[in-house]
Amino acid sequence: MREFIMPLGYRFEPTDEELIRFYLSEKAFGQPLPRSFIMEKELYGDNANPWDVFSDTDPWKTETKFDENETKSIKNTIFVFTKLSKISPKRISRKAGCGLWDGQTGAITINDSQ
């Protein structure tokens, strides 16, 4: 896979509304997506161990920062399209190989500003 290099200083930080309007809706209707940092990956299932899902050839960088106390923090924001597997009408299976992906937030409402 060819690495996608963004211009110096560019940050891919779309809002939830922008993700839905310009990426998810296009994907749902089978339209081609603009070149971006949103990838398609199988995150769930028996063969989806987190350390096997992502590779060094994926087009993102890990941002490492140090604060005034030289405490290291790592920021990883990754946008991925994946297929979900439902356990029941209200529950999604988060099994990933030998573990689980943590659902850190519940459902949130995203309103259309237009």
N, C-alpha and C. Protein backbone atom coordinates (compact mmCIF):
# COMPACT_ATOMS: atom_id res chain seq x y z
N MET A 1 0.84 -1.18 0.00
CA MET A 1 0.00 0.00 0.00
C MET A 1 0.88 1.24 0.00
N ARG A 2 0.57 2.18 -0.85
CA ARG A 2 1.33 3.41 -0.95
C ARG A 2 0.94 4.35 0.19
N GLU A 3 1.93 4.93 0.86
CA GLU A 3 1.66 5.81 1.99
C GLU A 3 1.06 7.12 1.50
N PHE A 4 0.01 7.57 2.18
CA PHE A 4 -0.64 8.84 1.88
C PHE A 4 -0.02 9.89 2.79
N ILE A 5 0.63 10.88 2.21
CA ILE A 5 1.30 11.91 3.00
C ILE A 5 0.49 13.20 2.93
N MET A 6 0.14 13.71 4.11
CA MET A 6 -0.61 14.97 4.18
C MET A 6 0.36 16.14 4.13
N PRO A 7 -0.12 17.29 3.68
CA PRO A 7 0.72 18.48 3.70
C PRO A 7 1.13 18.82 5.14
N LEU A 8 2.29 19.39 5.30
CA LEU A 8 2.80 19.77 6.60
C LEU A 8 1.79 20.64 7.33
N GLY A 9 1.48 20.32 8.57
CA GLY A 9 0.56 21.10 9.38
C GLY A 9 -0.90 20.67 9.28
N TYR A 10 -1.23 19.81 8.32
CA TYR A 10 -2.61 19.37 8.14
C TYR A 10 -2.98 18.37 9.23
N ARG A 11 -4.19 18.50 9.78
CA ARG A 11 -4.70 17.55 10.76
C ARG A 11 -6.06 17.07 10.28
N PHE A 12 -6.26 15.77 10.24
CA PHE A 12 -7.56 15.22 9.88
C PHE A 12 -8.36 15.10 11.16
N GLU A 13 -9.20 16.09 11.44
CA GLU A 13 -9.99 16.13 12.66
C GLU A 13 -11.43 16.51 12.34
N PRO A 14 -12.14 15.66 11.58
CA PRO A 14 -13.52 15.99 11.22
C PRO A 14 -14.44 15.91 12.44
N THR A 15 -15.50 16.71 12.41
CA THR A 15 -16.51 16.62 13.46
C THR A 15 -17.35 15.37 13.21
N ASP A 16 -18.16 14.98 14.19
CA ASP A 16 -19.05 13.83 14.01
C ASP A 16 -19.98 14.06 12.82
N GLU A 17 -20.51 15.28 12.71
CA GLU A 17 -21.43 15.59 11.61
C GLU A 17 -20.71 15.48 10.26
N GLU A 18 -19.48 15.97 10.17
CA GLU A 18 -18.72 15.86 8.92
C GLU A 18 -18.43 14.40 8.57
N LEU A 19 -18.13 13.59 9.57
CA LEU A 19 -17.91 12.16 9.31
C LEU A 19 -19.15 11.52 8.71
N ILE A 20 -20.32 11.84 9.25
CA ILE A 20 -21.56 11.26 8.74
C ILE A 20 -21.89 11.80 7.35
N ARG A 21 -21.85 13.12 7.20
CA ARG A 21 -22.27 13.75 5.95
C ARG A 21 -21.34 13.44 4.78
N PHE A 22 -20.05 13.52 4.98
CA PHE A 22 -19.11 13.43 3.86
C PHE A 22 -18.43 12.07 3.70
N TYR A 23 -18.53 11.21 4.70
CA TYR A 23 -17.86 9.92 4.60
C TYR A 23 -18.84 8.75 4.74
N LEU A 24 -19.55 8.67 5.87
CA LEU A 24 -20.44 7.54 6.10
C LEU A 24 -21.59 7.49 5.10
N SER A 25 -22.21 8.62 4.81
CA SER A 25 -23.33 8.61 3.86
C SER A 25 -22.85 8.22 2.46
N GLU A 26 -21.68 8.70 2.05
CA GLU A 26 -21.12 8.31 0.75
C GLU A 26 -20.84 6.81 0.72
N LYS A 27 -20.27 6.30 1.79
CA LYS A 27 -19.96 4.87 1.89
C LYS A 27 -21.24 4.04 1.83
N ALA A 28 -22.28 4.47 2.55
CA ALA A 28 -23.55 3.74 2.59
C ALA A 28 -24.21 3.66 1.23
N PHE A 29 -24.03 4.68 0.39
CA PHE A 29 -24.64 4.71 -0.94
C PHE A 29 -23.69 4.23 -2.04
N GLY A 30 -22.56 3.63 -1.64
CA GLY A 30 -21.64 3.04 -2.61
C GLY A 30 -20.86 4.04 -3.44
N GLN A 31 -20.80 5.28 -2.99
CA GLN A 31 -20.05 6.31 -3.71
C GLN A 31 -18.57 6.24 -3.35
N PRO A 32 -17.70 6.63 -4.27
CA PRO A 32 -16.27 6.63 -3.94
C PRO A 32 -15.98 7.67 -2.86
N LEU A 33 -15.11 7.31 -1.96
CA LEU A 33 -14.75 8.23 -0.88
C LEU A 33 -13.57 9.09 -1.30
N PRO A 34 -13.51 10.32 -0.78
CA PRO A 34 -12.32 11.12 -1.04
C PRO A 34 -11.13 10.45 -0.37
N ARG A 35 -9.96 10.68 -0.89
CA ARG A 35 -8.77 10.09 -0.28
C ARG A 35 -8.66 10.63 1.14
N SER A 36 -8.57 9.72 2.09
CA SER A 36 -8.57 10.17 3.48
C SER A 36 -7.86 9.16 4.36
N PHE A 37 -7.96 9.40 5.63
CA PHE A 37 -7.37 8.51 6.61
C PHE A 37 -8.42 7.59 7.22
N ILE A 38 -9.53 7.39 6.54
CA ILE A 38 -10.53 6.43 6.99
C ILE A 38 -10.30 5.16 6.19
N MET A 39 -10.04 4.08 6.90
CA MET A 39 -9.71 2.82 6.25
C MET A 39 -10.79 1.79 6.52
N GLU A 40 -10.79 0.73 5.74
CA GLU A 40 -11.68 -0.40 5.99
C GLU A 40 -10.85 -1.50 6.63
N LYS A 41 -11.28 -1.94 7.81
CA LYS A 41 -10.58 -2.99 8.55
C LYS A 41 -11.60 -3.89 9.22
N GLU A 42 -11.27 -5.16 9.36
CA GLU A 42 -12.10 -6.09 10.13
C GLU A 42 -11.62 -6.01 11.57
N LEU A 43 -12.38 -5.30 12.42
CA LEU A 43 -11.98 -5.12 13.81
C LEU A 43 -12.53 -6.19 14.73
N TYR A 44 -13.56 -6.90 14.28
CA TYR A 44 -14.24 -7.87 15.14
C TYR A 44 -14.14 -9.26 14.55
N GLY A 45 -14.15 -10.27 15.41
CA GLY A 45 -14.15 -11.65 14.96
C GLY A 45 -13.02 -12.45 15.59
N ASP A 46 -13.01 -13.74 15.31
CA ASP A 46 -12.03 -14.64 15.91
C ASP A 46 -10.59 -14.35 15.49
N ASN A 47 -10.39 -13.82 14.28
CA ASN A 47 -9.03 -13.58 13.78
C ASN A 47 -8.63 -12.12 13.82
N ALA A 48 -9.29 -11.32 14.64
CA ALA A 48 -9.04 -9.88 14.65
C ALA A 48 -8.34 -9.44 15.93
N ASN A 49 -7.21 -10.04 16.24
CA ASN A 49 -6.44 -9.57 17.39
C ASN A 49 -5.97 -8.15 17.10
N PRO A 50 -6.11 -7.23 18.06
CA PRO A 50 -5.75 -5.84 17.80
C PRO A 50 -4.35 -5.65 17.25
N TRP A 51 -3.38 -6.43 17.71
CA TRP A 51 -2.00 -6.28 17.23
C TRP A 51 -1.81 -6.81 15.82
N ASP A 52 -2.80 -7.58 15.30
CA ASP A 52 -2.73 -8.07 13.93
C ASP A 52 -3.53 -7.20 12.96
N VAL A 53 -4.45 -6.39 13.48
CA VAL A 53 -5.34 -5.61 12.62
C VAL A 53 -4.61 -4.45 11.95
N PHE A 54 -3.78 -3.75 12.69
CA PHE A 54 -3.10 -2.57 12.17
C PHE A 54 -1.64 -2.90 11.87
N SER A 55 -1.10 -2.25 10.86
CA SER A 55 0.28 -2.53 10.46
C SER A 55 1.06 -1.24 10.26
N ASP A 56 2.35 -1.39 10.09
CA ASP A 56 3.22 -0.23 9.87
C ASP A 56 2.97 0.44 8.53
N THR A 57 2.28 -0.24 7.61
CA THR A 57 2.02 0.36 6.30
C THR A 57 0.73 1.17 6.28
N ASP A 58 -0.03 1.16 7.39
CA ASP A 58 -1.26 1.95 7.45
C ASP A 58 -0.90 3.44 7.49
N PRO A 59 -1.74 4.27 6.85
CA PRO A 59 -1.38 5.69 6.68
C PRO A 59 -1.71 6.59 7.87
N TRP A 60 -1.10 6.37 8.99
CA TRP A 60 -1.23 7.30 10.10
C TRP A 60 0.03 7.27 10.92
N LYS A 61 0.17 8.27 11.70
CA LYS A 61 1.33 8.39 12.57
C LYS A 61 0.85 8.47 14.01
N THR A 62 1.66 7.99 14.92
CA THR A 62 1.39 8.14 16.34
C THR A 62 2.05 9.42 16.80
N GLU A 63 1.30 10.24 17.50
CA GLU A 63 1.82 11.52 17.96
C GLU A 63 2.24 11.37 19.42
N THR A 64 3.51 11.57 19.71
CA THR A 64 4.03 11.47 21.06
C THR A 64 4.36 12.86 21.56
N LYS A 65 3.83 13.20 22.74
CA LYS A 65 4.07 14.53 23.31
C LYS A 65 4.62 14.38 24.72
N PHE A 66 5.36 15.39 25.15
CA PHE A 66 5.85 15.45 26.52
C PHE A 66 5.38 16.76 27.12
N ASP A 67 4.84 16.70 28.36
CA ASP A 67 4.42 17.94 29.01
C ASP A 67 5.60 18.54 29.78
N GLU A 68 5.34 19.60 30.56
CA GLU A 68 6.42 20.29 31.27
C GLU A 68 7.11 19.39 32.30
N ASN A 69 6.44 18.33 32.75
CA ASN A 69 7.04 17.37 33.69
C ASN A 69 7.68 16.19 32.97
N GLU A 70 7.81 16.31 31.66
CA GLU A 70 8.37 15.27 30.80
C GLU A 70 7.58 13.96 30.90
N THR A 71 6.27 14.09 31.11
CA THR A 71 5.39 12.92 31.11
C THR A 71 4.99 12.64 29.67
N LYS A 72 5.19 11.42 29.24
CA LYS A 72 4.92 11.03 27.86
C LYS A 72 3.44 10.70 27.69
N SER A 73 2.84 11.22 26.64
CA SER A 73 1.47 10.83 26.28
C SER A 73 1.43 10.53 24.79
N ILE A 74 0.61 9.59 24.42
CA ILE A 74 0.49 9.20 23.02
C ILE A 74 -0.94 9.41 22.58
N LYS A 75 -1.12 10.08 21.46
CA LYS A 75 -2.45 10.33 20.92
C LYS A 75 -2.62 9.50 19.66
N ASN A 76 -3.57 8.60 19.69
CA ASN A 76 -3.91 7.80 18.51
C ASN A 76 -5.38 8.01 18.21
N THR A 77 -5.69 8.67 17.14
CA THR A 77 -7.06 8.79 16.68
C THR A 77 -7.11 8.11 15.32
N ILE A 78 -7.86 7.03 15.25
CA ILE A 78 -7.92 6.25 14.03
C ILE A 78 -9.38 6.15 13.60
N PHE A 79 -9.66 6.46 12.34
CA PHE A 79 -11.00 6.37 11.80
C PHE A 79 -11.06 5.14 10.90
N VAL A 80 -12.02 4.24 11.19
CA VAL A 80 -12.09 2.97 10.48
C VAL A 80 -13.54 2.62 10.17
N PHE A 81 -13.80 2.15 8.95
CA PHE A 81 -15.08 1.53 8.63
C PHE A 81 -14.92 0.05 8.91
N THR A 82 -15.89 -0.54 9.63
CA THR A 82 -15.86 -1.97 9.90
C THR A 82 -17.28 -2.51 9.94
N LYS A 83 -17.42 -3.80 9.75
CA LYS A 83 -18.73 -4.44 9.83
C LYS A 83 -18.99 -4.83 11.28
N LEU A 84 -20.22 -4.61 11.73
CA LEU A 84 -20.60 -4.96 13.09
C LEU A 84 -21.34 -6.29 13.10
N SER A 85 -21.21 -7.00 14.19
CA SER A 85 -21.92 -8.25 14.38
C SER A 85 -22.81 -8.09 15.61
N LYS A 86 -24.12 -8.19 15.40
CA LYS A 86 -25.05 -7.99 16.51
C LYS A 86 -25.30 -9.28 17.27
N ILE A 87 -25.32 -9.16 18.60
CA ILE A 87 -25.66 -10.28 19.48
C ILE A 87 -27.18 -10.33 19.63
N SER A 88 -27.78 -9.15 19.73
CA SER A 88 -29.22 -8.99 19.85
C SER A 88 -29.57 -7.67 19.16
N PRO A 89 -30.86 -7.34 19.06
CA PRO A 89 -31.21 -6.08 18.39
C PRO A 89 -30.55 -4.83 19.01
N LYS A 90 -30.19 -4.89 20.29
CA LYS A 90 -29.62 -3.72 20.95
C LYS A 90 -28.15 -3.88 21.32
N ARG A 91 -27.57 -5.06 21.13
CA ARG A 91 -26.19 -5.28 21.56
C ARG A 91 -25.31 -5.70 20.39
N ILE A 92 -24.08 -5.17 20.39
CA ILE A 92 -23.10 -5.47 19.35
C ILE A 92 -21.99 -6.31 19.95
N SER A 93 -21.56 -7.34 19.23
CA SER A 93 -20.43 -8.16 19.67
C SER A 93 -19.16 -7.36 19.47
N ARG A 94 -18.36 -7.23 20.51
CA ARG A 94 -17.09 -6.50 20.42
C ARG A 94 -15.90 -7.45 20.52
N LYS A 95 -16.14 -8.74 20.27
CA LYS A 95 -15.07 -9.73 20.34
C LYS A 95 -14.04 -9.45 19.26
N ALA A 96 -12.78 -9.44 19.69
CA ALA A 96 -11.68 -9.19 18.76
C ALA A 96 -10.58 -10.20 19.06
N GLY A 97 -10.59 -11.31 18.35
CA GLY A 97 -9.58 -12.35 18.59
C GLY A 97 -9.70 -12.89 20.00
N CYS A 98 -8.65 -12.72 20.79
CA CYS A 98 -8.65 -13.26 22.15
C CYS A 98 -9.12 -12.24 23.18
N GLY A 99 -9.65 -11.10 22.74
CA GLY A 99 -10.09 -10.08 23.68
C GLY A 99 -11.33 -9.36 23.19
N LEU A 100 -11.54 -8.16 23.71
CA LEU A 100 -12.69 -7.34 23.35
C LEU A 100 -12.24 -5.91 23.11
N TRP A 101 -12.91 -5.23 22.16
CA TRP A 101 -12.74 -3.79 22.02
C TRP A 101 -13.63 -3.16 23.07
N ASP A 102 -13.14 -2.16 23.75
CA ASP A 102 -13.88 -1.50 24.82
C ASP A 102 -14.81 -0.45 24.23
N GLY A 103 -16.10 -0.56 24.51
CA GLY A 103 -17.05 0.47 24.11
C GLY A 103 -17.03 1.57 25.15
N GLN A 104 -16.28 2.63 24.90
CA GLN A 104 -16.05 3.65 25.91
C GLN A 104 -17.21 4.61 26.07
N THR A 105 -18.02 4.75 25.06
CA THR A 105 -19.15 5.66 25.16
C THR A 105 -20.40 4.94 24.70
N GLY A 106 -21.51 5.41 25.18
CA GLY A 106 -22.78 4.87 24.70
C GLY A 106 -23.18 5.62 23.44
N ALA A 107 -24.41 5.43 23.04
CA ALA A 107 -24.91 6.12 21.85
C ALA A 107 -24.95 7.62 22.10
N ILE A 108 -24.58 8.38 21.08
CA ILE A 108 -24.67 9.84 21.17
C ILE A 108 -25.52 10.34 20.01
N THR A 109 -26.22 11.43 20.23
CA THR A 109 -27.04 12.03 19.20
C THR A 109 -26.21 13.05 18.44
N ILE A 110 -26.25 12.97 17.11
CA ILE A 110 -25.55 13.93 16.27
C ILE A 110 -26.60 14.63 15.43
N ASN A 111 -26.74 15.93 15.62
CA ASN A 111 -27.76 16.70 14.92
C ASN A 111 -27.20 17.33 13.66
N ASP A 112 -28.02 17.39 12.63
CA ASP A 112 -27.66 18.02 11.37
C ASP A 112 -27.80 19.53 11.54
N SER A 113 -26.74 20.27 11.28
CA SER A 113 -26.77 21.72 11.48
C SER A 113 -27.49 22.45 10.35
N GLN A 114 -27.83 21.74 9.28
CA GLN A 114 -28.50 22.41 8.16
C GLN A 114 -29.98 22.17 8.17
